[in-house]
Amino acid sequence: MTDGLATHATVIAMDQPTEVTVGADFVLTVLLSCPAGCDLSGSPVEATAPDGVTTTVLPATGDADVAARRVALKAPLEVGEHVWRLCCTAHESDGWHHDASLVEVPVRTRPHETSLAVWAIPSPVMVGQPFAIKVGAKSAAGCNLTGMRIAVCDEAGAVLASDVLGDTPWPGTNALYWRELTLVAPAEAGMFSWSVKFAAAELALPHRGAVSYFSIVIARPPEHRLIVKVIEQKTEAPVENAQVRLGAYRAATGAAGFAEFMLPEDSYDLDVWKSGYEAPSTPIVIDADLTVEIAIAALPEENPDAVWLM
């Protein structure tokens, strides 16, 4: 050691995440340096976790000439701010005494996210009638959600139906746990916005709950039959597989160009769609059984050489 009272400092710098999910593995990149330029590559660093457990971190094999090292850590399972303490004790290096250095590293832990899915929603649903939908929940960490409760609520937040998720993920997924729920439609017709809620409070690994909204159309019982025939405007030939829509009611034409509906009395906009055709929206009043014919116009094919003919 060089004679005299002077000592050198040990500086700890690092690249760190400010937030990680609970239970996650993460890495701090720690760099030791001396303002006087001493080689600190062989100096150990002690990392003390929030639970008080201390480990000594040495440079990686083959990196003896580098003062940086990667410290692999694991986040606690509790949500909140946690502090790791990194310490380089007083030591001799390059013939100089180096003072101890201590740095506190705060890292905030957050819950894992959950996501929801709603599918197989019939449209429309008749007033007062029972119907079924499928609902599912998935953990961003891929956790098993078997037995966790999921619920469907109305616009006021009242629970309409609830059950626990099944023990098998939906086919084609590895972690979407699901359940079919049976509900009863309201006594009045209209468009309703309901929600699926998943609290996630009982999971061992902390998760955030989730809410997903979906719309459902409730209609009066059908009273009249509507038959729609779709033809090509110029040739009057039937158009197959044209999509016909009257509000929430949808159907596709068959080989003879017909689509059939059972509808309650009301006014509707009748829309027809098929790729390569054009059809205006047609207002229609249903107050008796009715057959209508809709002519749609074939759009002209684009000329690929049009740009060169300008």
C-alpha atoms as a PDB file:
ATOM      1  CA  MET A   1       0.000   0.000   0.000  1.00  0.00           C
ATOM      2  CA  THR A   2       1.267   3.504  -0.789  1.00  0.00           C
ATOM      3  CA  ASP A   3       2.376   5.374   2.332  1.00  0.00           C
ATOM      4  CA  GLY A   4       0.272   8.255   3.608  1.00  0.00           C
ATOM      5  CA  LEU A   5      -3.248   8.904   4.762  1.00  0.00           C
ATOM      6  CA  ALA A   6      -4.846   9.232   1.344  1.00  0.00           C
ATOM      7  CA  THR A   7      -7.337   6.550   0.352  1.00  0.00           C
ATOM      8  CA  HIS A   8      -9.202   5.965  -2.874  1.00  0.00           C
ATOM      9  CA  ALA A   9     -12.943   5.789  -3.252  1.00  0.00           C
ATOM     10  CA  THR A  10     -15.010   2.893  -4.579  1.00  0.00           C
ATOM     11  CA  VAL A  11     -17.886   3.998  -6.814  1.00  0.00           C
ATOM     12  CA  ILE A  12     -20.818   1.635  -7.523  1.00  0.00           C
ATOM     13  CA  ALA A  13     -22.899   2.403 -10.600  1.00  0.00           C
ATOM     14  CA  MET A  14     -25.614   0.227 -12.053  1.00  0.00           C
ATOM     15  CA  ASP A  15     -28.244  -0.267 -14.713  1.00  0.00           C
ATOM     16  CA  GLN A  16     -31.447  -1.416 -13.025  1.00  0.00           C
ATOM     17  CA  PRO A  17     -35.167  -1.888 -13.686  1.00  0.00           C
ATOM     18  CA  THR A  18     -37.389   0.444 -11.666  1.00  0.00           C
ATOM     19  CA  GLU A  19     -40.356  -1.969 -11.702  1.00  0.00           C
ATOM     20  CA  VAL A  20     -40.771  -5.720 -12.130  1.00  0.00           C
ATOM     21  CA  THR A  21     -43.602  -8.196 -11.623  1.00  0.00           C
ATOM     22  CA  VAL A  22     -43.802 -10.128  -8.359  1.00  0.00           C
ATOM     23  CA  GLY A  23     -41.715 -13.286  -8.310  1.00  0.00           C
ATOM     24  CA  ALA A  24     -39.898 -12.331 -11.530  1.00  0.00           C
ATOM     25  CA  ASP A  25     -36.203 -12.964 -12.163  1.00  0.00           C
ATOM     26  CA  PHE A  26     -34.341  -9.779 -13.062  1.00  0.00           C
ATOM     27  CA  VAL A  27     -30.763  -8.591 -13.424  1.00  0.00           C
ATOM     28  CA  LEU A  28     -28.763  -5.620 -12.169  1.00  0.00           C
ATOM     29  CA  THR A  29     -25.639  -4.694 -14.114  1.00  0.00           C
ATOM     30  CA  VAL A  30     -23.151  -3.367 -11.554  1.00  0.00           C
ATOM     31  CA  LEU A  31     -19.974  -1.459 -12.368  1.00  0.00           C
ATOM     32  CA  LEU A  32     -17.197  -0.774  -9.831  1.00  0.00           C
ATOM     33  CA  SER A  33     -14.835   2.097 -10.492  1.00  0.00           C
ATOM     34  CA  CYS A  34     -12.205   4.175  -8.765  1.00  0.00           C
ATOM     35  CA  PRO A  35     -11.887   7.908  -9.623  1.00  0.00           C
ATOM     36  CA  ALA A  36      -8.095   7.414  -9.603  1.00  0.00           C
ATOM     37  CA  GLY A  37      -8.361   4.703 -12.248  1.00  0.00           C
ATOM     38  CA  CYS A  38      -7.467   1.705 -10.092  1.00  0.00           C
ATOM     39  CA  ASP A  39      -8.357  -1.759 -11.336  1.00  0.00           C
ATOM     40  CA  LEU A  40     -11.305  -3.022  -9.274  1.00  0.00           C
ATOM     41  CA  SER A  41     -12.200  -5.944 -11.512  1.00  0.00           C
ATOM     42  CA  GLY A  42     -11.392  -8.496  -8.830  1.00  0.00           C
ATOM     43  CA  SER A  43     -13.238  -6.739  -6.013  1.00  0.00           C
ATOM     44  CA  PRO A  44     -16.303  -8.619  -4.761  1.00  0.00           C
ATOM     45  CA  VAL A  45     -19.723  -7.061  -4.291  1.00  0.00           C
ATOM     46  CA  GLU A  46     -22.171  -8.169  -1.635  1.00  0.00           C
ATOM     47  CA  ALA A  47     -25.865  -8.055  -2.553  1.00  0.00           C
ATOM     48  CA  THR A  48     -28.318  -8.092   0.366  1.00  0.00           C
ATOM     49  CA  ALA A  49     -31.927  -8.877  -0.563  1.00  0.00           C
ATOM     50  CA  PRO A  50     -34.950  -7.280   1.168  1.00  0.00           C
ATOM     51  CA  ASP A  51     -35.284 -10.432   3.295  1.00  0.00           C
ATOM     52  CA  GLY A  52     -31.740  -9.945   4.644  1.00  0.00           C
ATOM     53  CA  VAL A  53     -30.059 -12.765   2.718  1.00  0.00           C
ATOM     54  CA  THR A  54     -26.609 -11.704   1.457  1.00  0.00           C
ATOM     55  CA  THR A  55     -24.746 -13.193  -1.495  1.00  0.00           C
ATOM     56  CA  THR A  56     -21.284 -12.364  -2.800  1.00  0.00           C
ATOM     57  CA  VAL A  57     -21.068 -11.552  -6.498  1.00  0.00           C
ATOM     58  CA  LEU A  58     -17.738 -12.053  -8.257  1.00  0.00           C
ATOM     59  CA  PRO A  59     -16.819 -11.117 -11.848  1.00  0.00           C
ATOM     60  CA  ALA A  60     -17.868 -13.709 -14.407  1.00  0.00           C
ATOM     61  CA  THR A  61     -15.274 -16.249 -15.507  1.00  0.00           C
ATOM     62  CA  GLY A  62     -13.267 -14.829 -18.387  1.00  0.00           C
ATOM     63  CA  ASP A  63     -14.093 -11.231 -17.418  1.00  0.00           C
ATOM     64  CA  ALA A  64     -11.372 -10.717 -14.859  1.00  0.00           C
ATOM     65  CA  ASP A  65     -10.262  -7.501 -16.553  1.00  0.00           C
ATOM     66  CA  VAL A  66     -13.750  -5.971 -16.347  1.00  0.00           C
ATOM     67  CA  ALA A  67     -15.143  -4.365 -13.195  1.00  0.00           C
ATOM     68  CA  ALA A  68     -18.767  -4.901 -14.324  1.00  0.00           C
ATOM     69  CA  ARG A  69     -20.785  -7.896 -13.334  1.00  0.00           C
ATOM     70  CA  ARG A  70     -24.401  -9.025 -13.667  1.00  0.00           C
ATOM     71  CA  VAL A  71     -26.303  -9.672 -10.459  1.00  0.00           C
ATOM     72  CA  ALA A  72     -29.215 -12.099 -10.907  1.00  0.00           C
ATOM     73  CA  LEU A  73     -32.030 -11.393  -8.439  1.00  0.00           C
ATOM     74  CA  LYS A  74     -35.578 -12.559  -7.793  1.00  0.00           C
ATOM     75  CA  ALA A  75     -38.411 -10.188  -6.906  1.00  0.00           C
ATOM     76  CA  PRO A  76     -40.396 -10.869  -3.712  1.00  0.00           C
ATOM     77  CA  LEU A  77     -43.952 -12.166  -3.933  1.00  0.00           C
ATOM     78  CA  GLU A  78     -45.366  -9.071  -2.203  1.00  0.00           C
ATOM     79  CA  VAL A  79     -46.486  -5.981  -4.113  1.00  0.00           C
ATOM     80  CA  GLY A  80     -44.688  -2.760  -3.136  1.00  0.00           C
ATOM     81  CA  GLU A  81     -41.251  -1.159  -3.023  1.00  0.00           C
ATOM     82  CA  HIS A  82     -38.336  -3.352  -1.993  1.00  0.00           C
ATOM     83  CA  VAL A  83     -34.723  -2.325  -1.398  1.00  0.00           C
ATOM     84  CA  TRP A  84     -31.578  -4.288  -2.195  1.00  0.00           C
ATOM     85  CA  ARG A  85     -28.272  -3.179  -0.663  1.00  0.00           C
ATOM     86  CA  LEU A  86     -25.105  -3.453  -2.752  1.00  0.00           C
ATOM     87  CA  CYS A  87     -21.876  -3.161  -0.819  1.00  0.00           C
ATOM     88  CA  CYS A  88     -18.198  -3.246  -1.669  1.00  0.00           C
ATOM     89  CA  THR A  89     -16.252  -3.522   1.590  1.00  0.00           C
ATOM     90  CA  ALA A  90     -13.029  -1.634   2.255  1.00  0.00           C
ATOM     91  CA  HIS A  91     -10.160  -3.369   0.451  1.00  0.00           C
ATOM     92  CA  GLU A  92      -6.731  -3.032  -1.093  1.00  0.00           C
ATOM     93  CA  SER A  93      -6.411  -2.732  -4.873  1.00  0.00           C
ATOM     94  CA  ASP A  94      -3.497  -1.608  -7.068  1.00  0.00           C
ATOM     95  CA  GLY A  95      -1.562  -0.900  -3.872  1.00  0.00           C
ATOM     96  CA  TRP A  96      -4.143   1.542  -2.544  1.00  0.00           C
ATOM     97  CA  HIS A  97      -6.657   1.318   0.235  1.00  0.00           C
ATOM     98  CA  HIS A  98     -10.222   1.774  -1.058  1.00  0.00           C
ATOM     99  CA  ASP A  99     -13.035   2.856   1.224  1.00  0.00           C
ATOM    100  CA  ALA A 100     -16.197   0.806   1.519  1.00  0.00           C
ATOM    101  CA  SER A 101     -19.168   1.809  -0.643  1.00  0.00           C
ATOM    102  CA  LEU A 102     -22.852   1.110  -0.099  1.00  0.00           C
ATOM    103  CA  VAL A 103     -25.725   1.741  -2.504  1.00  0.00           C
ATOM    104  CA  GLU A 104     -29.422   1.096  -1.871  1.00  0.00           C
ATOM    105  CA  VAL A 105     -31.391  -0.035  -4.908  1.00  0.00           C
ATOM    106  CA  PRO A 106     -35.196   0.432  -4.695  1.00  0.00           C
ATOM    107  CA  VAL A 107     -37.290  -1.709  -7.043  1.00  0.00           C
ATOM    108  CA  ARG A 108     -41.079  -1.650  -7.115  1.00  0.00           C
ATOM    109  CA  THR A 109     -42.967  -4.893  -7.682  1.00  0.00           C
ATOM    110  CA  ARG A 110     -46.353  -4.975  -9.413  1.00  0.00           C
ATOM    111  CA  PRO A 111     -48.971  -7.740  -9.731  1.00  0.00           C
ATOM    112  CA  HIS A 112     -49.180  -9.896 -12.826  1.00  0.00           C
ATOM    113  CA  GLU A 113     -51.865  -8.874 -15.326  1.00  0.00           C
ATOM    114  CA  THR A 114     -54.915 -10.903 -16.237  1.00  0.00           C
ATOM    115  CA  SER A 115     -56.940 -10.665 -19.440  1.00  0.00           C
ATOM    116  CA  LEU A 116     -60.480 -11.746 -20.284  1.00  0.00           C
ATOM    117  CA  ALA A 117     -62.274 -13.130 -23.311  1.00  0.00           C
ATOM    118  CA  VAL A 118     -66.003 -13.319 -24.110  1.00  0.00           C
ATOM    119  CA  TRP A 119     -67.278 -15.267 -27.103  1.00  0.00           C
ATOM    120  CA  ALA A 120     -70.141 -17.352 -28.539  1.00  0.00           C
ATOM    121  CA  ILE A 121     -72.595 -14.525 -27.829  1.00  0.00           C
ATOM    122  CA  PRO A 122     -75.886 -15.188 -29.690  1.00  0.00           C
ATOM    123  CA  SER A 123     -77.452 -12.262 -31.539  1.00  0.00           C
ATOM    124  CA  PRO A 124     -80.131 -11.361 -31.043  1.00  0.00           C
ATOM    125  CA  VAL A 125     -81.454 -12.924 -27.847  1.00  0.00           C
ATOM    126  CA  MET A 126     -85.210 -13.002 -27.267  1.00  0.00           C
ATOM    127  CA  VAL A 127     -86.576 -11.094 -24.265  1.00  0.00           C
ATOM    128  CA  GLY A 128     -86.901 -13.200 -21.136  1.00  0.00           C
ATOM    129  CA  GLN A 129     -85.206 -16.234 -22.685  1.00  0.00           C
ATOM    130  CA  PRO A 130     -82.211 -18.156 -21.277  1.00  0.00           C
ATOM    131  CA  PHE A 131     -79.035 -18.194 -23.359  1.00  0.00           C
ATOM    132  CA  ALA A 132     -75.396 -19.167 -22.930  1.00  0.00           C
ATOM    133  CA  ILE A 133     -72.072 -17.416 -23.543  1.00  0.00           C
ATOM    134  CA  LYS A 134     -68.474 -18.479 -22.987  1.00  0.00           C
ATOM    135  CA  VAL A 135     -66.095 -16.488 -20.803  1.00  0.00           C
ATOM    136  CA  GLY A 136     -62.428 -17.037 -20.043  1.00  0.00           C
ATOM    137  CA  ALA A 137     -59.507 -15.579 -18.106  1.00  0.00           C
ATOM    138  CA  LYS A 138     -55.753 -15.785 -18.672  1.00  0.00           C
ATOM    139  CA  SER A 139     -52.792 -14.968 -16.454  1.00  0.00           C
ATOM    140  CA  ALA A 140     -49.880 -13.108 -18.063  1.00  0.00           C
ATOM    141  CA  ALA A 141     -47.628 -15.430 -16.052  1.00  0.00           C
ATOM    142  CA  GLY A 142     -49.423 -18.518 -17.376  1.00  0.00           C
ATOM    143  CA  CYS A 143     -50.722 -19.439 -13.908  1.00  0.00           C
ATOM    144  CA  ASN A 144     -53.356 -22.126 -13.466  1.00  0.00           C
ATOM    145  CA  LEU A 145     -56.697 -20.363 -12.890  1.00  0.00           C
ATOM    146  CA  THR A 146     -58.737 -23.499 -12.250  1.00  0.00           C
ATOM    147  CA  GLY A 147     -61.367 -22.896  -9.581  1.00  0.00           C
ATOM    148  CA  MET A 148     -61.120 -19.083  -9.727  1.00  0.00           C
ATOM    149  CA  ARG A 149     -64.514 -17.342  -9.859  1.00  0.00           C
ATOM    150  CA  ILE A 150     -65.626 -15.315 -12.880  1.00  0.00           C
ATOM    151  CA  ALA A 151     -68.859 -13.332 -13.183  1.00  0.00           C
ATOM    152  CA  VAL A 152     -71.071 -11.524 -15.702  1.00  0.00           C
ATOM    153  CA  CYS A 153     -72.598  -8.272 -14.430  1.00  0.00           C
ATOM    154  CA  ASP A 154     -75.229  -5.900 -15.762  1.00  0.00           C
ATOM    155  CA  GLU A 155     -74.800  -2.167 -16.346  1.00  0.00           C
ATOM    156  CA  ALA A 156     -75.482  -1.432 -12.666  1.00  0.00           C
ATOM    157  CA  GLY A 157     -72.864  -3.968 -11.543  1.00  0.00           C
ATOM    158  CA  ALA A 158     -75.334  -6.597 -10.326  1.00  0.00           C
ATOM    159  CA  VAL A 159     -74.143 -10.180 -10.884  1.00  0.00           C
ATOM    160  CA  LEU A 160     -76.212 -11.949 -13.542  1.00  0.00           C
ATOM    161  CA  ALA A 161     -74.293 -15.238 -13.442  1.00  0.00           C
ATOM    162  CA  SER A 162     -71.060 -16.561 -11.970  1.00  0.00           C
ATOM    163  CA  ASP A 163     -69.135 -19.798 -11.721  1.00  0.00           C
ATOM    164  CA  VAL A 164     -65.593 -21.066 -11.268  1.00  0.00           C
ATOM    165  CA  LEU A 165     -63.241 -21.599 -14.190  1.00  0.00           C
ATOM    166  CA  GLY A 166     -62.771 -25.146 -15.418  1.00  0.00           C
ATOM    167  CA  ASP A 167     -59.622 -27.250 -15.117  1.00  0.00           C
ATOM    168  CA  THR A 168     -58.781 -27.392 -18.833  1.00  0.00           C
ATOM    169  CA  PRO A 169     -57.686 -24.415 -20.973  1.00  0.00           C
ATOM    170  CA  TRP A 170     -59.634 -23.627 -24.126  1.00  0.00           C
ATOM    171  CA  PRO A 171     -58.391 -25.797 -27.041  1.00  0.00           C
ATOM    172  CA  GLY A 172     -55.521 -24.165 -28.920  1.00  0.00           C
ATOM    173  CA  THR A 173     -54.462 -22.065 -25.924  1.00  0.00           C
ATOM    174  CA  ASN A 174     -52.097 -22.902 -23.080  1.00  0.00           C
ATOM    175  CA  ALA A 175     -53.627 -20.812 -20.303  1.00  0.00           C
ATOM    176  CA  LEU A 176     -57.106 -19.496 -21.221  1.00  0.00           C
ATOM    177  CA  TYR A 177     -59.290 -21.082 -18.535  1.00  0.00           C
ATOM    178  CA  TRP A 178     -62.970 -20.828 -19.349  1.00  0.00           C
ATOM    179  CA  ARG A 179     -66.556 -21.571 -18.397  1.00  0.00           C
ATOM    180  CA  GLU A 180     -69.917 -21.498 -20.179  1.00  0.00           C
ATOM    181  CA  LEU A 181     -72.410 -19.345 -18.280  1.00  0.00           C
ATOM    182  CA  THR A 182     -76.181 -19.398 -18.684  1.00  0.00           C
ATOM    183  CA  LEU A 183     -78.019 -16.090 -18.372  1.00  0.00           C
ATOM    184  CA  VAL A 184     -81.597 -14.897 -18.756  1.00  0.00           C
ATOM    185  CA  ALA A 185     -82.363 -12.018 -21.105  1.00  0.00           C
ATOM    186  CA  PRO A 186     -84.031  -8.882 -19.698  1.00  0.00           C
ATOM    187  CA  ALA A 187     -87.764  -8.426 -20.126  1.00  0.00           C
ATOM    188  CA  GLU A 188     -87.303  -5.396 -22.388  1.00  0.00           C
ATOM    189  CA  ALA A 189     -85.702  -5.175 -25.823  1.00  0.00           C
ATOM    190  CA  GLY A 190     -82.656  -3.058 -26.596  1.00  0.00           C
ATOM    191  CA  MET A 191     -78.870  -2.931 -26.730  1.00  0.00           C
ATOM    192  CA  PHE A 192     -77.174  -3.673 -23.405  1.00  0.00           C
ATOM    193  CA  SER A 193     -73.561  -3.259 -22.275  1.00  0.00           C
ATOM    194  CA  TRP A 194     -72.589  -5.923 -19.756  1.00  0.00           C
ATOM    195  CA  SER A 195     -69.252  -6.821 -18.223  1.00  0.00           C
ATOM    196  CA  VAL A 196     -67.203  -9.859 -17.318  1.00  0.00           C
ATOM    197  CA  LYS A 197     -65.288  -9.489 -14.050  1.00  0.00           C
ATOM    198  CA  PHE A 198     -62.406 -11.490 -12.638  1.00  0.00           C
ATOM    199  CA  ALA A 199     -61.137 -10.490  -9.168  1.00  0.00           C
ATOM    200  CA  ALA A 200     -57.961 -12.669  -8.997  1.00  0.00           C
ATOM    201  CA  ALA A 201     -57.801 -11.990  -5.243  1.00  0.00           C
ATOM    202  CA  GLU A 202     -57.393 -15.637  -4.218  1.00  0.00           C
ATOM    203  CA  LEU A 203     -54.360 -16.427  -6.373  1.00  0.00           C
ATOM    204  CA  ALA A 204     -51.155 -17.284  -4.505  1.00  0.00           C
ATOM    205  CA  LEU A 205     -49.108 -15.130  -6.894  1.00  0.00           C
ATOM    206  CA  PRO A 206     -50.537 -11.582  -6.813  1.00  0.00           C
ATOM    207  CA  HIS A 207     -52.491 -10.608  -9.945  1.00  0.00           C
ATOM    208  CA  ARG A 208     -54.529  -7.599 -10.965  1.00  0.00           C
ATOM    209  CA  GLY A 209     -58.185  -8.292 -11.564  1.00  0.00           C
ATOM    210  CA  ALA A 210     -59.713  -7.520 -14.943  1.00  0.00           C
ATOM    211  CA  VAL A 211     -62.971  -6.246 -16.430  1.00  0.00           C
ATOM    212  CA  SER A 212     -64.077  -6.686 -20.035  1.00  0.00           C
ATOM    213  CA  TYR A 213     -67.210  -5.142 -21.569  1.00  0.00           C
ATOM    214  CA  PHE A 214     -69.403  -6.596 -24.298  1.00  0.00           C
ATOM    215  CA  SER A 215     -72.644  -5.619 -25.989  1.00  0.00           C
ATOM    216  CA  ILE A 216     -75.686  -7.800 -26.405  1.00  0.00           C
ATOM    217  CA  VAL A 217     -78.892  -7.211 -28.368  1.00  0.00           C
ATOM    218  CA  ILE A 218     -82.178  -8.231 -26.758  1.00  0.00           C
ATOM    219  CA  ALA A 219     -85.127  -8.417 -29.172  1.00  0.00           C
ATOM    220  CA  ARG A 220     -88.850  -9.009 -29.000  1.00  0.00           C
ATOM    221  CA  PRO A 221     -90.119 -12.422 -30.134  1.00  0.00           C
ATOM    222  CA  PRO A 222     -90.381 -12.782 -33.923  1.00  0.00           C
ATOM    223  CA  GLU A 223     -93.810 -12.186 -35.438  1.00  0.00           C
ATOM    224  CA  HIS A 224     -93.323 -12.203 -39.213  1.00  0.00           C
ATOM    225  CA  ARG A 225     -91.301 -13.999 -41.853  1.00  0.00           C
ATOM    226  CA  LEU A 226     -89.164 -11.950 -44.233  1.00  0.00           C
ATOM    227  CA  ILE A 227     -87.717 -13.578 -47.353  1.00  0.00           C
ATOM    228  CA  VAL A 228     -85.004 -11.642 -49.166  1.00  0.00           C
ATOM    229  CA  LYS A 229     -83.976 -12.617 -52.687  1.00  0.00           C
ATOM    230  CA  VAL A 230     -80.700 -11.149 -53.933  1.00  0.00           C
ATOM    231  CA  ILE A 231     -80.105 -10.978 -57.696  1.00  0.00           C
ATOM    232  CA  GLU A 232     -77.437  -9.493 -59.943  1.00  0.00           C
ATOM    233  CA  GLN A 233     -78.761  -6.243 -61.407  1.00  0.00           C
ATOM    234  CA  LYS A 234     -77.994  -6.824 -65.106  1.00  0.00           C
ATOM    235  CA  THR A 235     -78.455 -10.571 -65.485  1.00  0.00           C
ATOM    236  CA  GLU A 236     -81.094 -11.054 -62.746  1.00  0.00           C
ATOM    237  CA  ALA A 237     -79.183 -14.208 -61.749  1.00  0.00           C
ATOM    238  CA  PRO A 238     -79.413 -15.212 -58.062  1.00  0.00           C
ATOM    239  CA  VAL A 239     -76.406 -14.231 -55.949  1.00  0.00           C
ATOM    240  CA  GLU A 240     -75.181 -16.904 -53.566  1.00  0.00           C
ATOM    241  CA  ASN A 241     -73.481 -16.212 -50.226  1.00  0.00           C
ATOM    242  CA  ALA A 242     -74.464 -12.557 -50.075  1.00  0.00           C
ATOM    243  CA  GLN A 243     -74.540 -11.305 -46.491  1.00  0.00           C
ATOM    244  CA  VAL A 244     -77.927  -9.810 -45.561  1.00  0.00           C
ATOM    245  CA  ARG A 245     -78.354  -7.761 -42.395  1.00  0.00           C
ATOM    246  CA  LEU A 246     -81.293  -6.083 -40.688  1.00  0.00           C
ATOM    247  CA  GLY A 247     -79.945  -4.546 -37.472  1.00  0.00           C
ATOM    248  CA  ALA A 248     -78.867  -7.409 -35.234  1.00  0.00           C
ATOM    249  CA  TYR A 249     -80.349 -10.038 -37.589  1.00  0.00           C
ATOM    250  CA  ARG A 250     -78.013 -11.588 -40.132  1.00  0.00           C
ATOM    251  CA  ALA A 251     -78.189 -14.351 -42.730  1.00  0.00           C
ATOM    252  CA  ALA A 252     -76.478 -15.441 -45.944  1.00  0.00           C
ATOM    253  CA  THR A 253     -78.183 -16.266 -49.233  1.00  0.00           C
ATOM    254  CA  GLY A 254     -78.217 -19.825 -50.512  1.00  0.00           C
ATOM    255  CA  ALA A 255     -77.650 -21.121 -54.043  1.00  0.00           C
ATOM    256  CA  ALA A 256     -81.041 -19.768 -55.153  1.00  0.00           C
ATOM    257  CA  GLY A 257     -80.258 -16.299 -53.751  1.00  0.00           C
ATOM    258  CA  PHE A 258     -82.690 -16.481 -50.807  1.00  0.00           C
ATOM    259  CA  ALA A 259     -82.149 -15.497 -47.167  1.00  0.00           C
ATOM    260  CA  GLU A 260     -84.915 -15.929 -44.586  1.00  0.00           C
ATOM    261  CA  PHE A 261     -85.597 -14.100 -41.304  1.00  0.00           C
ATOM    262  CA  MET A 262     -88.136 -14.231 -38.494  1.00  0.00           C
ATOM    263  CA  LEU A 263     -88.559 -10.678 -37.182  1.00  0.00           C
ATOM    264  CA  PRO A 264     -90.655  -8.649 -34.737  1.00  0.00           C
ATOM    265  CA  GLU A 265     -92.652  -5.735 -36.112  1.00  0.00           C
ATOM    266  CA  ASP A 266     -90.363  -2.762 -36.592  1.00  0.00           C
ATOM    267  CA  SER A 267     -88.574  -0.550 -39.112  1.00  0.00           C
ATOM    268  CA  TYR A 268     -85.207  -1.766 -40.349  1.00  0.00           C
ATOM    269  CA  ASP A 269     -82.410  -0.852 -42.727  1.00  0.00           C
ATOM    270  CA  LEU A 270     -81.840  -3.820 -45.030  1.00  0.00           C
ATOM    271  CA  ASP A 271     -78.177  -4.066 -46.037  1.00  0.00           C
ATOM    272  CA  VAL A 272     -76.625  -6.520 -48.498  1.00  0.00           C
ATOM    273  CA  TRP A 273     -72.897  -7.081 -48.844  1.00  0.00           C
ATOM    274  CA  LYS A 274     -70.811  -9.255 -51.130  1.00  0.00           C
ATOM    275  CA  SER A 275     -67.265  -8.647 -52.279  1.00  0.00           C
ATOM    276  CA  GLY A 276     -67.217  -7.270 -55.827  1.00  0.00           C
ATOM    277  CA  TYR A 277     -70.773  -5.875 -55.654  1.00  0.00           C
ATOM    278  CA  GLU A 278     -72.430  -2.631 -54.668  1.00  0.00           C
ATOM    279  CA  ALA A 279     -75.855  -2.320 -53.031  1.00  0.00           C
ATOM    280  CA  PRO A 280     -77.584   0.661 -51.392  1.00  0.00           C
ATOM    281  CA  SER A 281     -79.180   0.359 -47.957  1.00  0.00           C
ATOM    282  CA  THR A 282     -82.956  -0.204 -48.235  1.00  0.00           C
ATOM    283  CA  PRO A 283     -85.361   0.967 -45.493  1.00  0.00           C
ATOM    284  CA  ILE A 284     -88.086  -1.555 -44.823  1.00  0.00           C
ATOM    285  CA  VAL A 285     -91.094  -1.823 -42.475  1.00  0.00           C
ATOM    286  CA  ILE A 286     -92.035  -5.265 -41.152  1.00  0.00           C
ATOM    287  CA  ASP A 287     -95.714  -5.439 -40.163  1.00  0.00           C
ATOM    288  CA  ALA A 288     -96.642  -8.652 -42.003  1.00  0.00           C
ATOM    289  CA  ASP A 289     -94.985 -11.589 -43.774  1.00  0.00           C
ATOM    290  CA  LEU A 290     -93.031 -10.160 -46.697  1.00  0.00           C
ATOM    291  CA  THR A 291     -90.846 -11.133 -49.654  1.00  0.00           C
ATOM    292  CA  VAL A 292     -88.495  -8.568 -51.193  1.00  0.00           C
ATOM    293  CA  GLU A 293     -86.056  -8.687 -54.079  1.00  0.00           C
ATOM    294  CA  ILE A 294     -82.789  -6.753 -53.919  1.00  0.00           C
ATOM    295  CA  ALA A 295     -80.719  -6.181 -57.045  1.00  0.00           C
ATOM    296  CA  ILE A 296     -77.015  -5.579 -56.504  1.00  0.00           C
ATOM    297  CA  ALA A 297     -74.619  -4.248 -59.125  1.00  0.00           C
ATOM    298  CA  ALA A 298     -71.356  -5.973 -60.007  1.00  0.00           C
ATOM    299  CA  LEU A 299     -68.441  -3.561 -59.774  1.00  0.00           C
ATOM    300  CA  PRO A 300     -66.237  -3.276 -62.894  1.00  0.00           C
ATOM    301  CA  GLU A 301     -62.948  -5.072 -62.648  1.00  0.00           C
ATOM    302  CA  GLU A 302     -59.926  -2.860 -62.211  1.00  0.00           C
ATOM    303  CA  ASN A 303     -57.682  -2.547 -65.236  1.00  0.00           C
ATOM    304  CA  PRO A 304     -54.138  -3.290 -64.040  1.00  0.00           C
ATOM    305  CA  ASP A 305     -52.784  -1.197 -66.918  1.00  0.00           C
ATOM    306  CA  ALA A 306     -54.939   1.845 -66.085  1.00  0.00           C
ATOM    307  CA  VAL A 307     -52.017   3.729 -64.562  1.00  0.00           C
ATOM    308  CA  TRP A 308     -50.161   3.533 -67.903  1.00  0.00           C
ATOM    309  CA  LEU A 309     -53.148   4.803 -69.900  1.00  0.00           C
ATOM    310  CA  MET A 310     -53.396   8.164 -68.142  1.00  0.00           C
END
